[in-house]
Protein backbone atom coordinates (compact mmCIF):
# COMPACT_ATOMS: atom_id res chain seq x y z
CA MET A 1 -31.20 -68.50 59.58
CA SER A 2 -32.06 -66.11 62.41
CA THR A 3 -29.73 -63.44 63.69
CA PRO A 4 -28.97 -63.42 67.41
CA GLY A 5 -30.62 -60.76 69.54
CA PRO A 6 -32.72 -60.22 72.64
CA ILE A 7 -35.94 -60.95 70.75
CA GLN A 8 -35.99 -62.31 67.23
CA ALA A 9 -37.86 -60.07 64.77
CA ASP A 10 -39.50 -63.09 63.13
CA THR A 11 -41.02 -64.16 66.46
CA ALA A 12 -41.80 -60.70 67.86
CA VAL A 13 -45.42 -60.62 66.70
CA VAL A 14 -47.31 -62.08 69.63
CA ALA A 15 -50.70 -61.59 67.94
CA ALA A 16 -52.15 -59.64 65.03
CA PHE A 17 -55.73 -60.13 63.84
CA VAL A 18 -59.14 -58.76 62.90
CA THR A 19 -62.13 -59.84 64.99
CA ASP A 20 -65.79 -59.15 65.56
CA GLU A 21 -65.34 -59.79 69.29
CA PRO A 22 -64.73 -57.04 71.89
CA LEU A 23 -61.06 -56.15 72.38
CA ASP A 24 -59.27 -56.39 75.73
CA HIS A 25 -56.65 -53.72 76.39
CA GLY A 26 -55.25 -55.63 79.36
CA GLN A 27 -54.73 -58.73 77.24
CA ALA A 28 -52.76 -56.71 74.68
CA VAL A 29 -50.51 -55.16 77.33
CA SER A 30 -49.83 -58.37 79.25
CA ALA A 31 -49.14 -60.33 76.06
CA VAL A 32 -46.11 -58.20 75.14
CA GLN A 33 -44.48 -58.30 78.57
CA ASP A 34 -41.74 -60.69 79.56
CA GLU A 35 -38.56 -60.59 81.67
CA ARG A 36 -36.76 -58.47 79.06
CA THR A 37 -39.45 -55.79 78.90
CA GLY A 38 -38.58 -52.42 80.39
CA ALA A 39 -41.36 -50.51 78.61
CA VAL A 40 -44.82 -51.20 77.28
CA VAL A 41 -46.54 -48.62 75.11
CA SER A 42 -50.15 -49.20 74.17
CA PHE A 43 -52.86 -47.55 72.13
CA SER A 44 -56.62 -47.91 72.37
CA GLY A 45 -58.68 -46.52 69.50
CA VAL A 46 -61.99 -45.81 71.23
CA ILE A 47 -65.24 -44.82 69.56
CA ARG A 48 -66.02 -41.19 70.43
CA ASP A 49 -69.33 -39.36 70.30
CA HIS A 50 -68.29 -36.72 67.75
CA ASP A 51 -66.44 -36.21 64.48
CA GLY A 52 -65.95 -32.99 62.59
CA GLY A 53 -68.35 -31.11 64.85
CA ARG A 54 -71.13 -33.67 64.34
CA SER A 55 -72.65 -35.94 66.97
CA VAL A 56 -71.80 -39.62 66.32
CA THR A 57 -74.09 -42.35 67.68
CA SER A 58 -72.23 -45.49 66.53
CA LEU A 59 -69.86 -46.94 63.95
CA ASP A 60 -69.94 -50.02 61.75
CA TYR A 61 -66.61 -51.41 60.57
CA THR A 62 -66.36 -53.52 57.43
CA CYS A 63 -63.24 -55.13 56.03
CA HIS A 64 -61.85 -56.76 52.94
CA PRO A 65 -61.44 -60.56 53.29
CA GLY A 66 -57.66 -60.00 53.28
CA ALA A 67 -57.70 -57.59 56.24
CA ASP A 68 -56.58 -60.21 58.76
CA ARG A 69 -53.55 -61.06 56.60
CA ALA A 70 -52.84 -57.33 56.15
CA VAL A 71 -52.76 -56.73 59.93
CA LYS A 72 -50.34 -59.63 60.30
CA ASP A 73 -48.16 -58.29 57.47
CA VAL A 74 -48.08 -54.80 59.00
CA ALA A 75 -47.19 -56.17 62.44
CA ARG A 76 -44.43 -58.32 60.96
CA ALA A 77 -43.01 -55.36 58.99
CA VAL A 78 -43.00 -53.15 62.09
CA ALA A 79 -41.29 -55.90 64.10
CA GLU A 80 -38.61 -56.14 61.44
CA GLU A 81 -38.20 -52.35 61.35
CA PHE A 82 -37.94 -52.19 65.17
CA PRO A 83 -35.94 -55.26 66.28
CA GLY A 84 -36.24 -56.09 69.94
CA THR A 85 -39.96 -55.42 70.17
CA ARG A 86 -42.93 -57.62 70.98
CA ILE A 87 -46.11 -56.63 69.15
CA TRP A 88 -49.82 -57.26 69.72
CA ALA A 89 -52.42 -55.66 67.43
CA ALA A 90 -56.10 -56.20 66.75
CA HIS A 91 -58.81 -54.31 64.90
CA ARG A 92 -62.46 -54.91 65.55
CA ILE A 93 -65.15 -55.08 62.86
CA GLY A 94 -68.93 -55.00 63.08
CA HIS A 95 -71.20 -52.65 65.00
CA LEU A 96 -69.50 -50.59 67.74
CA GLU A 97 -71.04 -48.22 70.24
CA ILE A 98 -69.57 -45.10 71.82
CA GLY A 99 -66.80 -46.16 74.22
CA ASP A 100 -66.04 -49.46 72.47
CA SER A 101 -62.47 -50.15 71.39
CA ALA A 102 -61.95 -50.46 67.63
CA LEU A 103 -58.16 -50.88 67.69
CA GLU A 104 -55.81 -52.17 70.36
CA ALA A 105 -52.06 -52.13 69.90
CA ALA A 106 -49.28 -52.82 72.38
CA VAL A 107 -45.53 -52.92 72.01
CA GLY A 108 -43.08 -54.19 74.58
CA ALA A 109 -39.38 -53.39 74.40
CA ALA A 110 -36.36 -53.09 76.65
CA HIS A 111 -36.46 -49.28 76.39
CA ARG A 112 -39.25 -46.69 76.17
CA LYS A 113 -38.12 -44.81 73.04
CA LEU A 114 -38.11 -48.01 71.02
CA ALA A 115 -41.56 -49.00 72.34
CA PHE A 116 -43.02 -45.54 71.61
CA ALA A 117 -41.59 -45.40 68.08
CA ALA A 118 -42.74 -48.92 67.23
CA CYS A 119 -46.27 -48.42 68.61
CA ASP A 120 -46.65 -45.15 66.72
CA ALA A 121 -45.51 -46.79 63.47
CA LEU A 122 -47.76 -49.80 64.09
CA VAL A 123 -50.92 -47.75 64.57
CA ASP A 124 -50.16 -45.43 61.64
CA ARG A 125 -49.52 -48.35 59.30
CA ILE A 126 -52.61 -50.28 60.38
CA LYS A 127 -54.75 -47.21 59.71
CA ALA A 128 -53.07 -46.56 56.36
CA GLU A 129 -52.59 -50.08 54.98
CA VAL A 130 -55.25 -52.41 56.35
CA PRO A 131 -58.45 -52.47 54.23
CA ILE A 132 -60.97 -51.64 56.94
CA TRP A 133 -63.68 -49.03 56.42
CA LYS A 134 -66.11 -47.44 58.81
CA GLU A 135 -69.61 -46.12 58.40
CA GLN A 136 -70.35 -43.43 60.97
CA SER A 137 -73.93 -42.94 62.09
CA PHE A 138 -74.81 -39.42 63.17
CA ALA A 139 -77.48 -38.16 65.57
CA ASP A 140 -79.35 -36.50 62.68
CA GLY A 141 -79.87 -39.93 61.05
CA SER A 142 -77.27 -39.47 58.31
CA THR A 143 -74.26 -41.71 57.73
CA GLU A 144 -70.80 -41.26 56.27
CA TRP A 145 -68.26 -43.80 55.02
CA VAL A 146 -64.64 -43.20 56.03
CA GLY A 147 -61.56 -44.89 54.60
CA LEU A 148 -62.98 -46.17 51.32
CA ASP A 149 -59.89 -44.87 49.52
CA ALA A 150 -57.62 -47.17 51.59
């Protein structure tokens, strides 16, 4: 039985998935908006050209077969922790170039503080709990795996 409220926590996850297709920031933002939304907070995790003082040329993301389920579980948990939010989250896998988006997250809520807090929690938990690893390629030809302890 659901509890009454402006947006039910069990239906607040608009989308949560892992994909090898390019991510669309605009799609994430528009998906969480409706007539009750007074604030939308979004995050784009974009591939940068450096890390730790080294020049990065590209990244390759790999995931555990359960990563899609893990993103959904994280989104659902954040929705339950922050009732009254609408959540959209996606992480990209495969080969990404500088400037590509690896993670898109958007949270819509009636008020800004709720949207900010939920989006921050969503991104932190995806990065900490979803089994996705990246291999960074550097300009000097070397590579480095990041996140294998996740």
